[in-house]
C-alpha atoms as a PDB file:
ATOM      1  CA  UNK A   1       0.000   0.000   0.000  1.00  0.00           C
ATOM      2  CA  UNK A   2       1.335   3.422  -0.973  1.00  0.00           C
ATOM      3  CA  UNK A   3       1.603   6.092   1.720  1.00  0.00           C
ATOM      4  CA  UNK A   4      -0.820   8.977   1.300  1.00  0.00           C
ATOM      5  CA  UNK A   5       0.857  12.247   0.487  1.00  0.00           C
ATOM      6  CA  UNK A   6      -0.644  15.193   2.339  1.00  0.00           C
ATOM      7  CA  UNK A   7      -0.317  18.590   0.680  1.00  0.00           C
ATOM      8  CA  UNK A   8       1.956  21.041   2.493  1.00  0.00           C
ATOM      9  CA  UNK A   9      -0.795  23.653   2.883  1.00  0.00           C
ATOM     10  CA  UNK A  10      -3.009  21.113   4.660  1.00  0.00           C
ATOM     11  CA  UNK A  11      -0.179  20.271   7.070  1.00  0.00           C
ATOM     12  CA  UNK A  12       0.471  23.971   7.701  1.00  0.00           C
ATOM     13  CA  UNK A  13      -3.228  24.565   8.400  1.00  0.00           C
ATOM     14  CA  UNK A  14      -3.360  21.644  10.842  1.00  0.00           C
ATOM     15  CA  UNK A  15      -0.240  22.905  12.603  1.00  0.00           C
ATOM     16  CA  UNK A  16      -1.749  26.401  12.869  1.00  0.00           C
ATOM     17  CA  UNK A  17      -5.006  25.006  14.336  1.00  0.00           C
ATOM     18  CA  UNK A  18      -3.033  22.926  16.844  1.00  0.00           C
ATOM     19  CA  UNK A  19      -1.079  25.985  18.030  1.00  0.00           C
ATOM     20  CA  UNK A  20      -4.295  28.017  18.305  1.00  0.00           C
ATOM     21  CA  UNK A  21      -5.867  25.251  20.391  1.00  0.00           C
ATOM     22  CA  UNK A  22      -2.764  25.108  22.612  1.00  0.00           C
ATOM     23  CA  UNK A  23      -2.919  28.882  23.116  1.00  0.00           C
ATOM     24  CA  UNK A  24      -6.580  28.754  24.173  1.00  0.00           C
ATOM     25  CA  UNK A  25      -5.811  25.783  26.425  1.00  0.00           C
ATOM     26  CA  UNK A  26      -2.870  27.553  28.052  1.00  0.00           C
ATOM     27  CA  UNK A  27      -5.103  30.512  28.909  1.00  0.00           C
ATOM     28  CA  UNK A  28      -7.727  28.146  30.339  1.00  0.00           C
ATOM     29  CA  UNK A  29      -5.049  26.530  32.532  1.00  0.00           C
ATOM     30  CA  UNK A  30      -3.878  29.925  33.767  1.00  0.00           C
ATOM     31  CA  UNK A  31      -7.486  30.850  34.603  1.00  0.00           C
ATOM     32  CA  UNK A  32      -8.307  27.487  36.236  1.00  0.00           C
ATOM     33  CA  UNK A  33      -5.110  26.036  37.731  1.00  0.00           C
ATOM     34  CA  UNK A  34      -6.946  24.042  40.408  1.00  0.00           C
ATOM     35  CA  UNK A  35      -9.246  22.442  37.863  1.00  0.00           C
ATOM     36  CA  UNK A  36      -6.267  21.567  35.674  1.00  0.00           C
ATOM     37  CA  UNK A  37      -4.469  19.919  38.618  1.00  0.00           C
ATOM     38  CA  UNK A  38      -7.625  17.967  39.472  1.00  0.00           C
ATOM     39  CA  UNK A  39      -8.001  16.784  35.866  1.00  0.00           C
ATOM     40  CA  UNK A  40      -4.404  15.529  35.809  1.00  0.00           C
ATOM     41  CA  UNK A  41      -4.814  13.838  39.198  1.00  0.00           C
ATOM     42  CA  UNK A  42      -7.953  12.038  38.059  1.00  0.00           C
ATOM     43  CA  UNK A  43      -6.436  11.064  34.706  1.00  0.00           C
ATOM     44  CA  UNK A  44      -3.437   9.496  36.422  1.00  0.00           C
ATOM     45  CA  UNK A  45      -5.670   7.565  38.819  1.00  0.00           C
ATOM     46  CA  UNK A  46      -7.939   6.347  36.027  1.00  0.00           C
ATOM     47  CA  UNK A  47      -5.022   5.436  33.769  1.00  0.00           C
ATOM     48  CA  UNK A  48      -2.887   3.536  36.255  1.00  0.00           C
ATOM     49  CA  UNK A  49      -5.047   2.334  39.151  1.00  0.00           C
ATOM     50  CA  UNK A  50      -7.838  -0.243  39.154  1.00  0.00           C
ATOM     51  CA  UNK A  51     -11.337   1.189  38.810  1.00  0.00           C
ATOM     52  CA  UNK A  52     -14.361  -0.892  39.655  1.00  0.00           C
ATOM     53  CA  UNK A  53     -17.019  -0.980  36.937  1.00  0.00           C
ATOM     54  CA  UNK A  54     -19.487   0.374  39.507  1.00  0.00           C
ATOM     55  CA  UNK A  55     -17.325   3.525  39.745  1.00  0.00           C
ATOM     56  CA  UNK A  56     -17.166   4.096  36.002  1.00  0.00           C
ATOM     57  CA  UNK A  57     -20.277   6.194  35.436  1.00  0.00           C
ATOM     58  CA  UNK A  58     -19.759   8.653  38.307  1.00  0.00           C
ATOM     59  CA  UNK A  59     -16.002   8.857  37.680  1.00  0.00           C
ATOM     60  CA  UNK A  60     -16.508   9.572  33.985  1.00  0.00           C
ATOM     61  CA  UNK A  61     -19.224  12.160  34.674  1.00  0.00           C
ATOM     62  CA  UNK A  62     -17.046  13.973  37.217  1.00  0.00           C
ATOM     63  CA  UNK A  63     -14.103  14.047  34.832  1.00  0.00           C
ATOM     64  CA  UNK A  64     -16.340  15.232  31.978  1.00  0.00           C
ATOM     65  CA  UNK A  65     -17.621  18.125  34.123  1.00  0.00           C
ATOM     66  CA  UNK A  66     -14.038  19.170  34.902  1.00  0.00           C
ATOM     67  CA  UNK A  67     -13.088  18.998  31.222  1.00  0.00           C
ATOM     68  CA  UNK A  68     -16.060  21.111  30.221  1.00  0.00           C
ATOM     69  CA  UNK A  69     -15.187  23.651  32.908  1.00  0.00           C
ATOM     70  CA  UNK A  70     -11.905  24.377  31.086  1.00  0.00           C
ATOM     71  CA  UNK A  71     -13.900  26.008  28.296  1.00  0.00           C
ATOM     72  CA  UNK A  72     -14.548  25.590  24.598  1.00  0.00           C
ATOM     73  CA  UNK A  73     -11.858  25.191  21.951  1.00  0.00           C
ATOM     74  CA  UNK A  74      -9.357  23.651  24.393  1.00  0.00           C
ATOM     75  CA  UNK A  75      -7.735  20.228  24.107  1.00  0.00           C
ATOM     76  CA  UNK A  76     -10.100  19.172  26.884  1.00  0.00           C
ATOM     77  CA  UNK A  77     -13.341  19.912  25.067  1.00  0.00           C
ATOM     78  CA  UNK A  78     -12.497  19.743  21.369  1.00  0.00           C
ATOM     79  CA  UNK A  79     -12.449  15.948  21.400  1.00  0.00           C
ATOM     80  CA  UNK A  80     -12.113  14.474  24.853  1.00  0.00           C
ATOM     81  CA  UNK A  81     -15.143  15.850  26.697  1.00  0.00           C
ATOM     82  CA  UNK A  82     -17.586  14.256  24.289  1.00  0.00           C
ATOM     83  CA  UNK A  83     -15.687  10.964  24.124  1.00  0.00           C
ATOM     84  CA  UNK A  84     -15.332  10.640  27.903  1.00  0.00           C
ATOM     85  CA  UNK A  85     -18.788  11.769  29.016  1.00  0.00           C
ATOM     86  CA  UNK A  86     -20.986   8.639  29.279  1.00  0.00           C
ATOM     87  CA  UNK A  87     -24.051  10.804  28.630  1.00  0.00           C
ATOM     88  CA  UNK A  88     -22.646  11.682  25.201  1.00  0.00           C
ATOM     89  CA  UNK A  89     -20.335   9.288  23.277  1.00  0.00           C
ATOM     90  CA  UNK A  90     -18.277   7.953  26.198  1.00  0.00           C
ATOM     91  CA  UNK A  91     -18.044   4.179  26.541  1.00  0.00           C
ATOM     92  CA  UNK A  92     -16.675   2.223  29.481  1.00  0.00           C
ATOM     93  CA  UNK A  93     -14.527   0.013  27.215  1.00  0.00           C
ATOM     94  CA  UNK A  94     -12.659   3.074  25.864  1.00  0.00           C
ATOM     95  CA  UNK A  95     -12.556   5.136  29.058  1.00  0.00           C
ATOM     96  CA  UNK A  96      -9.022   4.288  30.166  1.00  0.00           C
ATOM     97  CA  UNK A  97      -7.658   4.613  26.622  1.00  0.00           C
ATOM     98  CA  UNK A  98      -9.243   8.060  26.211  1.00  0.00           C
ATOM     99  CA  UNK A  99      -7.763   9.149  29.548  1.00  0.00           C
ATOM    100  CA  UNK A 100      -4.297   7.957  28.539  1.00  0.00           C
ATOM    101  CA  UNK A 101      -4.656   9.751  25.207  1.00  0.00           C
ATOM    102  CA  UNK A 102      -5.592  12.952  27.018  1.00  0.00           C
ATOM    103  CA  UNK A 103      -2.552  12.584  29.283  1.00  0.00           C
ATOM    104  CA  UNK A 104      -0.420  12.310  26.128  1.00  0.00           C
ATOM    105  CA  UNK A 105      -1.999  15.487  24.753  1.00  0.00           C
ATOM    106  CA  UNK A 106      -1.316  17.272  28.045  1.00  0.00           C
ATOM    107  CA  UNK A 107       2.317  16.148  27.783  1.00  0.00           C
ATOM    108  CA  UNK A 108       2.480  17.583  24.234  1.00  0.00           C
ATOM    109  CA  UNK A 109       0.903  20.806  25.488  1.00  0.00           C
ATOM    110  CA  UNK A 110       3.409  21.072  28.332  1.00  0.00           C
ATOM    111  CA  UNK A 111       6.305  20.490  25.921  1.00  0.00           C
ATOM    112  CA  UNK A 112       4.962  23.283  23.720  1.00  0.00           C
ATOM    113  CA  UNK A 113       4.595  25.565  26.744  1.00  0.00           C
ATOM    114  CA  UNK A 114       8.200  24.829  27.801  1.00  0.00           C
ATOM    115  CA  UNK A 115       9.513  25.472  24.303  1.00  0.00           C
ATOM    116  CA  UNK A 116       8.039  28.989  24.394  1.00  0.00           C
ATOM    117  CA  UNK A 117       9.983  29.944  27.495  1.00  0.00           C
ATOM    118  CA  UNK A 118      13.647  30.744  27.412  1.00  0.00           C
ATOM    119  CA  UNK A 119      14.465  29.826  30.983  1.00  0.00           C
ATOM    120  CA  UNK A 120      17.818  28.247  31.774  1.00  0.00           C
ATOM    121  CA  UNK A 121      18.856  26.560  35.004  1.00  0.00           C
ATOM    122  CA  UNK A 122      22.076  28.041  36.350  1.00  0.00           C
END
C-alpha cells in the first residue's frame, strides 16, 4: 500500500489550528489552575489504578464536568469531553484509553509551553 501524500498547505493549516488550540488551552489553565491539577490527578488515577465498573459512570461524569469547565476550543473539550462523558459518546470500554490519550496530549501541550519559554537553570 502506498503512503498517502498530504499537501503542504493542509499540514500547515493543521499545525496552525493545533497551536491556536494550545494557546486557548494555556489561557484556560492559567485561569483554572486548580481544575487543571484535578483533571491531571484524576487522569493518572484512572489510567494507572484499578477502577471498579461500579465507579465508572460517576467517575466519567465527574471528569467530563471538569473537562467542560476548562472552556470551549481547548484540548479538553475539542475531542475528549464528548468521548469521555458517558451521557454523550463515552463508553466504558474506551474510558481508560481516552484518559491515557488525554494525558499524552497534556504532555504535548506542556512540551509546547516549555519550548516557548527561554528559561535556563544556572
